[in-house]
Protein backbone atom coordinates (compact mmCIF):
# COMPACT_ATOMS: atom_id res chain seq x y z
CA MET A 1 5.75 -7.33 -14.84
CA ASP A 2 2.63 -6.98 -12.70
CA MET A 3 3.01 -10.53 -11.45
CA VAL A 4 6.61 -9.84 -10.39
CA VAL A 5 5.53 -6.78 -8.41
CA ASN A 6 2.76 -8.76 -6.73
CA VAL A 7 5.09 -11.63 -5.83
CA VAL A 8 7.56 -9.15 -4.32
CA GLY A 9 4.65 -7.63 -2.37
CA VAL A 10 3.68 -11.02 -0.98
CA ILE A 11 7.29 -11.77 -0.01
CA TYR A 12 7.68 -8.39 1.71
CA GLY A 13 4.37 -8.83 3.50
CA ILE A 14 5.46 -12.23 4.78
CA ALA A 15 8.79 -10.75 5.87
CA LEU A 16 6.96 -8.05 7.82
CA ILE A 17 4.77 -10.65 9.48
CA MET A 18 7.89 -12.60 10.40
CA THR A 19 9.33 -9.59 12.26
CA ILE A 20 6.82 -10.26 15.03
CA PHE A 21 8.05 -13.80 15.61
CA VAL A 22 11.64 -13.96 14.31
CA ARG A 23 14.37 -11.54 15.27
CA THR A 24 17.22 -11.69 12.79
CA ARG A 25 19.39 -9.05 11.19
CA VAL A 26 17.36 -9.20 7.95
CA THR A 27 13.95 -8.89 9.58
CA GLU A 28 15.12 -6.01 11.74
CA LEU A 29 16.19 -4.10 8.62
CA LEU A 30 12.78 -4.57 6.99
CA ARG A 31 10.72 -3.28 9.93
CA VAL A 32 8.22 -0.57 8.96
CA ASP A 33 8.12 0.96 12.44
CA ALA A 34 11.90 1.39 12.39
CA LEU A 35 11.60 3.33 9.14
CA PHE A 36 8.95 5.79 10.31
CA LEU A 37 9.34 6.15 14.08
CA ARG A 38 12.23 7.82 15.84
CA GLN A 39 12.59 5.22 18.58
CA PRO A 40 11.04 1.88 17.65
CA THR A 41 10.46 -0.36 20.64
CA GLU A 42 8.89 -3.72 21.33
CA SER A 43 5.53 -2.01 21.78
CA THR A 44 5.65 -0.64 18.21
CA ARG A 45 6.54 -4.03 16.69
CA PRO A 46 2.85 -5.03 16.06
CA ILE A 47 2.65 -2.26 13.43
CA ASN A 48 4.67 -4.59 11.22
CA LEU A 49 2.07 -7.33 11.56
CA ILE A 50 -0.73 -5.03 10.43
CA ALA A 51 1.32 -3.60 7.57
CA GLY A 52 2.44 -7.08 6.50
CA LEU A 53 -1.10 -8.40 6.42
CA LEU A 54 -2.27 -5.40 4.39
CA ILE A 55 0.60 -5.58 1.89
CA ALA A 56 0.48 -9.34 1.41
CA GLY A 57 -3.31 -9.36 1.29
CA TYR A 58 -3.47 -6.67 -1.35
CA ALA A 59 -0.81 -8.38 -3.45
CA ILE A 60 -2.64 -11.70 -3.27
CA TYR A 61 -5.92 -9.98 -4.13
CA SER A 62 -4.26 -8.32 -7.12
CA MET A 63 -2.87 -11.64 -8.35
CA LEU A 64 -6.22 -13.40 -8.03
CA SER A 65 -8.30 -10.63 -9.60
CA ARG A 66 -6.47 -10.84 -12.94
């Protein structure tokens, strides 16, 4: 079960990183800045890159530390 959660974390982290470069309906729904800010703009889009790197990095670290 832990491995499944970590794989989902890596996939979500990669999806957040993709929101910087790819603008599709799916990536726009997954944006972290759109969830927490009232008016997300192009200037708040880099928050997704930072969050994606942190989430994917922690999930990869958790998988490798087992």
